[in-house]
Protein backbone atom coordinates (compact mmCIF):
# COMPACT_ATOMS: atom_id res chain seq x y z
CA SER A 1 130.62 77.14 54.98
CA TYR A 2 129.26 76.55 51.59
CA VAL A 3 125.75 76.62 53.08
CA GLU A 4 126.49 80.10 54.52
CA LEU A 5 127.61 81.21 51.02
CA LEU A 6 124.25 80.10 49.64
CA LYS A 7 122.30 81.86 52.33
CA ASN A 8 124.12 85.17 52.26
CA LEU A 9 125.15 85.87 48.56
CA ASP A 10 122.81 86.78 45.79
CA VAL A 11 124.95 84.77 43.52
CA ALA A 12 127.10 82.11 45.12
CA THR A 13 130.43 81.87 43.31
CA ALA A 14 132.00 78.85 45.06
CA GLU A 15 134.67 76.50 44.05
CA LEU A 16 133.52 73.27 45.40
CA PRO A 17 136.42 70.61 45.06
CA THR A 18 135.52 66.98 44.76
CA GLY A 19 134.23 65.64 48.09
CA ALA A 20 133.40 69.07 49.51
CA CYS A 21 129.74 68.21 50.07
CA LYS A 22 129.55 64.51 50.97
CA ASN A 23 126.12 64.93 52.71
CA ILE A 24 123.75 65.91 49.78
CA ASP A 25 120.94 66.92 52.30
CA GLU A 26 123.24 69.54 53.73
CA ILE A 27 123.14 71.77 50.68
CA MET A 28 120.23 70.80 48.52
CA PRO A 29 117.55 72.45 50.63
CA PHE A 30 119.09 75.82 50.25
CA ILE A 31 119.29 75.39 46.51
CA GLN A 32 115.61 74.44 46.58
CA SER A 33 114.48 77.38 48.69
CA THR A 34 116.67 80.14 47.29
CA GLY A 35 117.21 78.96 43.71
CA GLY A 36 120.88 79.69 44.36
CA LEU A 37 123.22 79.33 41.50
CA ILE A 38 126.64 77.73 42.16
CA ILE A 39 129.30 78.52 39.59
CA SER A 40 132.66 76.96 39.29
CA ASP A 41 135.23 77.07 36.48
CA LYS A 42 137.01 73.82 37.45
CA GLY A 43 135.64 71.35 34.90
CA TYR A 44 133.05 70.12 32.52
CA ALA A 45 131.58 66.85 33.33
CA ASP A 46 128.30 68.02 34.80
CA THR A 47 127.59 70.17 31.75
CA SER A 48 127.06 66.98 29.66
CA TYR A 49 124.59 65.78 32.16
CA MET A 50 122.74 69.07 32.80
CA GLU A 51 122.77 70.64 29.35
CA GLY A 52 123.66 68.04 26.73
CA GLU A 53 121.02 65.61 27.63
CA HIS A 54 118.43 67.90 29.23
CA GLU A 55 118.87 71.20 27.52
CA CYS A 56 119.10 73.20 30.70
CA PHE A 57 120.04 76.95 30.78
CA PHE A 58 121.67 78.39 32.74
CA SER A 59 123.41 75.43 34.34
CA VAL A 60 126.10 74.89 36.90
CA HIS A 61 129.52 75.47 35.51
CA GLY A 62 132.20 72.88 36.00
CA ASN A 63 132.27 69.28 37.39
CA SER A 64 133.13 70.16 40.96
CA PHE A 65 129.68 70.54 42.27
CA ALA A 66 128.30 67.57 40.38
CA HIS A 67 131.30 65.36 41.36
CA SER A 68 130.96 66.43 45.02
CA LEU A 69 127.50 65.05 45.01
CA ASN A 70 128.10 62.33 42.49
CA PHE A 71 125.61 61.65 39.71
CA PRO A 72 124.06 58.67 41.44
CA PHE A 73 123.31 60.85 44.51
CA LEU A 74 121.48 63.34 42.39
CA GLU A 75 119.22 60.51 41.12
CA ILE A 76 118.78 59.15 44.77
CA TYR A 77 118.01 62.64 45.95
CA ALA A 78 115.49 63.27 43.13
CA ASN A 79 113.71 60.01 43.87
CA LYS A 80 113.70 60.60 47.61
CA LYS A 81 112.14 64.10 47.30
CA GLY A 82 109.75 63.07 44.51
CA TYR A 83 111.46 65.29 41.84
CA PHE A 84 112.29 64.17 38.36
CA SER A 85 115.91 63.82 37.58
CA ASN A 86 115.48 65.11 33.99
CA ARG A 87 113.90 68.12 32.54
CA THR A 88 110.14 67.58 32.03
CA SER A 89 107.24 69.68 31.11
CA GLU A 90 106.60 70.27 34.93
CA LEU A 91 109.57 72.63 35.29
CA LEU A 92 109.10 73.24 38.97
CA ASN A 93 109.33 69.53 39.73
CA SER A 94 112.64 69.15 37.84
CA LEU A 95 115.78 68.79 39.90
CA GLN A 96 117.76 70.36 37.07
CA VAL A 97 115.61 73.42 37.06
CA LEU A 98 116.11 73.82 40.91
CA LEU A 99 119.84 73.76 40.14
CA VAL A 100 119.92 76.18 37.27
CA THR A 101 117.13 78.67 38.01
CA LYS A 102 118.46 81.46 40.19
CA GLN A 103 115.57 83.32 41.51
CA LEU A 104 117.01 85.27 44.46
CA ASN A 105 115.09 88.51 44.75
CA ASN A 106 112.91 87.12 41.98
CA GLN A 107 115.47 88.23 39.53
CA VAL A 108 118.48 86.67 37.63
CA ASN A 109 121.56 88.78 37.94
CA ASN A 110 122.24 88.98 34.24
CA GLU A 111 125.05 91.42 34.48
CA PHE A 112 126.91 89.25 36.80
CA ILE A 113 126.28 86.10 34.71
CA ASN A 114 127.47 87.92 31.54
CA GLN A 115 130.59 89.02 33.29
CA PHE A 116 131.32 85.63 34.46
CA ILE A 117 130.90 84.13 31.05
CA ASP A 118 133.07 86.80 29.35
CA ASN A 119 135.84 86.22 31.91
CA ASN A 120 135.74 82.45 31.98
CA PHE A 121 134.20 81.19 28.74
CA ASN A 122 137.51 80.11 27.29
CA GLU A 123 138.29 77.86 30.39
CA ASP A 124 134.78 76.47 30.51
CA THR A 125 134.24 75.68 26.86
CA HIS A 126 137.60 75.30 25.30
CA ASP A 127 137.56 71.47 25.60
CA TYR A 128 134.08 71.25 24.13
CA MET A 129 134.99 73.31 21.17
CA ASP A 130 138.04 71.17 20.43
CA THR A 131 136.11 68.04 20.83
CA GLY A 132 133.24 69.40 18.68
CA TYR A 133 135.79 70.26 16.00
CA LYS A 134 137.46 66.85 16.21
CA GLU A 135 134.10 65.00 15.90
CA LYS A 136 133.14 67.15 12.92
CA TYR A 137 136.50 66.48 11.19
CA GLU A 138 135.94 62.73 11.70
CA LYS A 139 132.41 63.26 10.37
CA ASN A 140 130.67 62.20 13.61
CA PHE A 141 128.32 65.09 13.11
CA SER A 142 125.65 64.19 15.70
CA LYS A 143 128.34 64.13 18.40
CA SER A 144 129.84 67.37 17.12
CA ILE A 145 126.45 68.99 17.37
CA ARG A 146 126.01 67.92 20.99
CA TYR A 147 129.35 69.49 22.07
CA TYR A 148 128.76 72.76 20.06
CA LYS A 149 125.25 73.04 21.59
CA ARG A 150 126.70 72.81 25.11
CA VAL A 151 129.18 75.60 24.24
CA ILE A 152 126.67 77.98 22.58
CA LYS A 153 124.79 78.27 25.83
CA HIS A 154 127.76 79.94 27.35
CA ARG A 155 129.08 81.74 24.34
CA ILE A 156 125.82 83.10 22.97
CA TYR A 157 127.67 86.29 21.66
CA ASP A 158 130.36 84.40 19.87
CA SER A 159 129.74 84.02 16.18
CA ARG A 160 132.49 81.32 15.89
CA VAL A 161 130.32 78.80 17.67
CA TYR A 162 127.39 79.60 15.34
CA PHE A 163 129.62 78.99 12.41
CA ASP A 164 130.87 75.65 13.68
CA LEU A 165 127.38 74.45 14.65
CA GLY A 166 125.81 75.48 11.43
CA SER A 167 128.67 73.67 9.55
CA ALA A 168 128.08 70.63 11.64
CA TYR A 169 124.43 70.65 10.84
CA ILE A 170 125.24 70.79 7.05
CA GLY A 171 127.30 67.69 7.48
CA HIS A 172 124.48 66.03 9.43
CA GLY A 173 122.08 66.73 6.55
CA ASP A 174 119.84 69.22 8.38
CA GLN A 175 120.17 72.22 6.16
CA ASN A 176 117.24 74.25 7.62
CA LYS A 177 118.72 73.91 11.21
CA ALA A 178 122.17 74.96 9.73
CA LEU A 179 120.68 78.09 8.17
CA GLU A 180 118.98 78.84 11.60
CA TYR A 181 122.48 79.27 13.21
CA LEU A 182 124.33 80.48 10.17
CA MET A 183 121.90 83.34 9.33
CA ASN A 184 121.27 84.55 12.90
CA HIS A 185 124.78 84.81 14.24
CA PRO A 186 126.42 87.70 16.18
CA GLU A 187 128.38 90.26 14.32
CA ASP A 188 131.84 89.46 15.60
CA TYR A 189 134.79 87.43 14.17
CA LEU A 190 133.27 87.95 10.75
CA ASP A 191 136.66 88.37 9.16
CA GLU A 192 137.68 84.94 10.44
CA HIS A 193 134.79 82.73 9.12
CA ASP A 194 133.15 82.53 5.85
CA PHE A 195 129.49 82.47 6.66
CA ASP A 196 128.38 83.04 3.14
CA PHE A 197 130.18 79.98 1.90
CA GLU A 198 128.56 77.77 4.50
CA ILE A 199 125.05 79.40 3.76
CA GLY A 200 125.63 78.75 0.13
CA MET A 201 126.29 75.12 0.77
CA ALA A 202 123.06 74.72 2.76
CA TYR A 203 121.02 76.24 0.00
CA ASP A 204 123.00 74.16 -2.50
CA TYR A 205 122.01 71.01 -0.83
CA LEU A 206 118.41 72.33 -0.70
CA ASN A 207 118.52 72.68 -4.50
CA ASP A 208 117.96 76.48 -4.26
CA TYR A 209 120.71 77.21 -6.70
CA PRO A 210 119.98 81.00 -7.31
CA THR A 211 120.25 81.70 -3.51
CA ALA A 212 123.20 79.41 -3.16
CA LEU A 213 124.96 81.24 -6.04
CA LYS A 214 124.40 84.60 -4.36
CA HIS A 215 126.03 83.62 -1.33
CA TYR A 216 128.95 81.85 -3.06
CA MET A 217 129.61 85.05 -5.00
CA ILE A 218 129.71 87.15 -1.75
CA SER A 219 132.02 84.61 -0.28
CA SER A 220 134.32 84.71 -3.49
CA GLN A 221 134.55 88.55 -2.93
CA LYS A 222 135.43 88.40 0.71
CA PHE A 223 137.84 85.43 0.38
CA PRO A 224 139.19 85.66 -3.24
CA ASN A 225 141.84 82.88 -2.74
CA GLN A 226 139.44 80.11 -1.65
CA LYS A 227 139.41 77.59 -4.47
CA GLU A 228 136.54 75.62 -2.96
CA THR A 229 134.23 78.67 -3.46
CA PHE A 230 135.07 78.99 -7.15
CA PHE A 231 134.48 75.24 -7.57
CA ASN A 232 131.12 75.41 -5.93
CA ILE A 233 130.16 78.48 -8.10
CA ALA A 234 131.26 76.47 -11.20
CA ASN A 235 129.30 73.42 -10.04
CA VAL A 236 126.10 75.38 -9.46
CA HIS A 237 126.36 76.96 -12.88
CA HIS A 238 126.89 73.54 -14.33
CA LYS A 239 123.83 72.19 -12.62
CA MET A 240 121.84 75.26 -13.95
CA LYS A 241 123.38 74.56 -17.42
CA ASN A 242 125.03 78.04 -17.51
CA TYR A 243 127.93 76.24 -19.27
CA LEU A 244 130.15 79.19 -20.17
CA GLU A 245 130.02 80.65 -16.60
CA ALA A 246 130.70 77.11 -15.22
CA TYR A 247 133.71 76.79 -17.60
CA MET A 248 135.11 80.12 -16.51
CA TYR A 249 134.87 79.24 -12.65
CA TYR A 250 136.21 75.75 -12.99
CA GLN A 251 139.15 77.45 -14.62
CA LYS A 252 139.47 80.00 -11.76
CA ALA A 253 139.50 77.08 -9.29
CA ILE A 254 142.24 75.34 -11.19
CA ILE A 255 144.36 78.48 -11.48
CA LEU A 256 144.49 78.50 -7.61
CA LYS A 257 145.45 74.81 -7.60
CA GLN A 258 146.57 73.29 -10.85
CA ASP A 259 146.21 69.72 -9.54
CA TYR A 260 142.74 70.40 -8.10
CA ASP A 261 141.35 67.00 -9.02
CA ILE A 262 137.62 67.68 -8.32
CA ALA A 263 137.71 70.90 -10.44
CA LEU A 264 139.54 68.97 -13.32
CA THR A 265 136.90 66.25 -13.16
CA GLY A 266 134.11 68.87 -13.15
CA LEU A 267 135.72 70.54 -16.24
CA LYS A 268 135.79 67.24 -18.10
CA ASN A 269 132.16 66.45 -17.18
CA LEU A 270 131.22 69.94 -18.27
CA LYS A 271 132.62 69.46 -21.68
CA ASP A 272 130.83 65.99 -21.90
CA ASP A 273 127.44 67.59 -20.99
CA MET A 274 127.96 70.54 -23.36
CA PHE A 275 128.46 68.07 -26.25
CA ASN A 276 125.70 65.76 -25.08
CA ASP A 277 123.25 68.61 -24.96
CA TRP A 278 124.40 69.67 -28.41
CA LEU A 279 123.71 66.12 -29.68
CA ASP A 280 120.21 66.18 -28.06
CA LYS A 281 119.31 69.41 -29.48
CA ASN A 282 120.62 68.59 -33.04
CA GLY A 283 119.83 64.88 -33.07
CA ILE A 284 117.79 64.93 -36.29
CA PHE A 285 120.33 66.86 -38.12
CA LEU A 286 123.28 64.76 -36.82
CA ASP A 287 121.50 61.44 -37.63
CA ALA A 288 120.77 62.70 -41.21
CA THR A 289 124.38 63.74 -42.05
CA ASN A 290 126.24 61.16 -39.70
CA PHE A 291 128.41 64.00 -38.27
CA ASP A 292 127.83 62.79 -34.80
CA GLN A 293 129.56 59.44 -35.16
CA THR A 294 132.34 60.99 -37.18
CA PHE A 295 132.99 63.40 -34.40
CA ILE A 296 132.81 60.79 -31.53
CA ASN A 297 135.21 58.56 -33.39
CA ALA A 298 137.60 61.49 -34.02
CA GLU A 299 137.26 62.55 -30.36
CA LYS A 300 138.13 59.00 -29.19
CA ALA A 301 141.13 58.83 -31.48
CA PHE A 302 142.23 62.30 -30.31
CA ASN A 303 142.01 61.39 -26.58
CA ASN A 304 143.88 58.13 -27.28
CA ALA A 305 146.56 59.74 -29.23
CA LEU A 306 147.25 62.21 -26.46
CA SER A 307 147.10 59.68 -23.62
CA VAL A 308 150.17 57.88 -24.94
CA GLU A 309 153.39 58.92 -26.83
CA TYR A 310 151.69 60.41 -29.75
CA ASN A 311 152.23 59.35 -33.42
CA GLU A 312 152.59 62.46 -35.68
CA ASP A 313 150.89 60.70 -38.65
CA ASP A 314 147.88 59.57 -36.50
CA LEU A 315 147.53 63.16 -35.10
CA ARG A 316 147.54 64.61 -38.68
CA SER A 317 144.85 62.18 -39.76
CA ILE A 318 142.73 63.15 -36.84
CA LEU A 319 143.41 66.86 -37.56
CA ASP A 320 142.13 66.37 -41.20
CA THR A 321 138.95 64.86 -39.87
CA PHE A 322 138.37 67.85 -37.48
CA LEU A 323 139.14 70.36 -40.15
CA ASP A 324 136.54 68.72 -42.41
CA LEU A 325 134.03 68.75 -39.57
CA ALA A 326 134.78 72.38 -38.83
CA ASP A 327 133.22 73.39 -42.21
CA LYS A 328 130.14 71.40 -41.54
CA MET A 329 129.22 71.52 -37.88
CA PRO A 330 127.06 74.56 -36.68
CA ASN A 331 128.69 74.39 -33.21
CA LYS A 332 132.33 74.72 -33.91
CA LEU A 333 133.64 75.26 -30.27
CA GLU A 334 134.62 71.77 -29.54
CA VAL A 335 136.21 71.17 -32.96
CA TYR A 336 138.27 74.44 -32.89
CA SER A 337 139.47 73.57 -29.40
CA LYS A 338 140.78 70.13 -30.54
CA ILE A 339 142.23 71.60 -33.76
CA SER A 340 144.16 74.25 -31.64
CA THR A 341 145.45 71.44 -29.31
CA ILE A 342 146.69 69.33 -32.14
CA PHE A 343 148.47 72.28 -33.73
CA TYR A 344 150.13 73.07 -30.44
CA VAL A 345 151.28 69.41 -29.94
CA LEU A 346 152.54 69.37 -33.56
CA GLY A 347 154.55 72.60 -32.90
CA ASP A 348 152.54 74.79 -35.31
CA LEU A 349 151.97 77.69 -32.94
CA GLU A 350 150.74 80.11 -35.66
CA ASN A 351 147.81 77.87 -36.55
CA CYS A 352 147.29 76.96 -32.94
CA GLN A 353 146.81 80.80 -32.13
CA LYS A 354 144.53 81.10 -35.11
CA TYR A 355 142.02 78.47 -33.86
CA ILE A 356 142.30 79.82 -30.26
CA GLU A 357 141.14 83.12 -31.56
CA LEU A 358 138.32 81.30 -33.51
CA VAL A 359 137.23 79.73 -30.21
CA ARG A 360 137.13 83.13 -28.49
CA SER A 361 135.33 84.80 -31.37
CA PRO A 362 131.77 86.23 -30.79
CA ASP A 363 130.51 84.13 -33.76
CA THR A 364 131.69 80.91 -32.15
CA GLN A 365 130.46 81.71 -28.65
CA GLU A 366 126.98 82.73 -30.22
CA ALA A 367 126.82 79.39 -32.06
CA VAL A 368 127.31 77.56 -28.66
CA ARG A 369 124.37 79.46 -27.33
CA GLU A 370 122.18 78.70 -30.33
CA THR A 371 122.83 74.97 -30.90
CA ALA A 372 124.20 73.53 -27.68
CA TRP A 373 122.28 75.38 -24.91
CA PRO A 374 118.67 74.82 -23.75
CA GLU A 375 116.13 77.53 -24.42
CA ASN A 376 116.19 78.87 -20.77
CA ALA A 377 120.08 79.07 -20.63
CA THR A 378 121.32 82.65 -19.58
């Protein structure tokens, strides 16, 4: 009988089909007295009751035992015997602890438990992993975390669970908890998951940009074809006002996906921020000479001209304005860029190439640093 199994085995490995133990008093006293651990690989339902809500470890596997007794019967038995039906600070008075603490010979047979987990974890936790991923994908992060936390108790040596749980905590907004899992994971399956990208995201959300950047850069070396990494690197540089670095990494992200909308938007915002910083730093000079309004008007005309079927006369008029400004503005990067674009549209590739080379010239780049960048830019 199942009672004999409990009495005679150090670890009772019994499959208890639904209805096998209809009389709860037949089996519970032996669990109490021996601390016997019943393990089954036939389901999952009791795990939500034993682990998810009450954080018990190591719990009964599978639903067969719990369903045999039925959850209400557990409550009834707990009340009858004066035990608590949830885990409390009084551990010895907790029904769950009686179920999950195997103290035969005053020692947990860890070798057996680990072998059992290694042989059965895919069956016992596969559904939870799938459901956790589904909830995370649908942005139900709190539910996702609950499922992953159930899994991690049985797969404590599986870095994939740490990765998914850390990622769910990032979505949930608890970056410190995310880092707890992401930075203390086992050293397996590391080629499959980009831990540094997730760690970078957590530090990014915590506004620790240098640390975020360090992990993003490691990620970009391990996974060089991941556009999201280059975008995040660009975005961090952008927030740190490292404009040239931001420009370079936005471009790298766009190379990997030409219609990468978020990177294209980031690049546009970067150019706006560079110009606005230049205006702020040179406001008195611009106000005195009125170069700022001239440039802004020309830039608007430039954008409008290229957003519709262009008129060559209009473009040549805008070109003349930019050519005039190029002789007067200390920061020539934006002007040279627009001049080269207009020459390209007009089919004058020789002059287009000339101004592209001016954009790339050390003098032009140094002017950007001297006039458009804040003092602490690097």
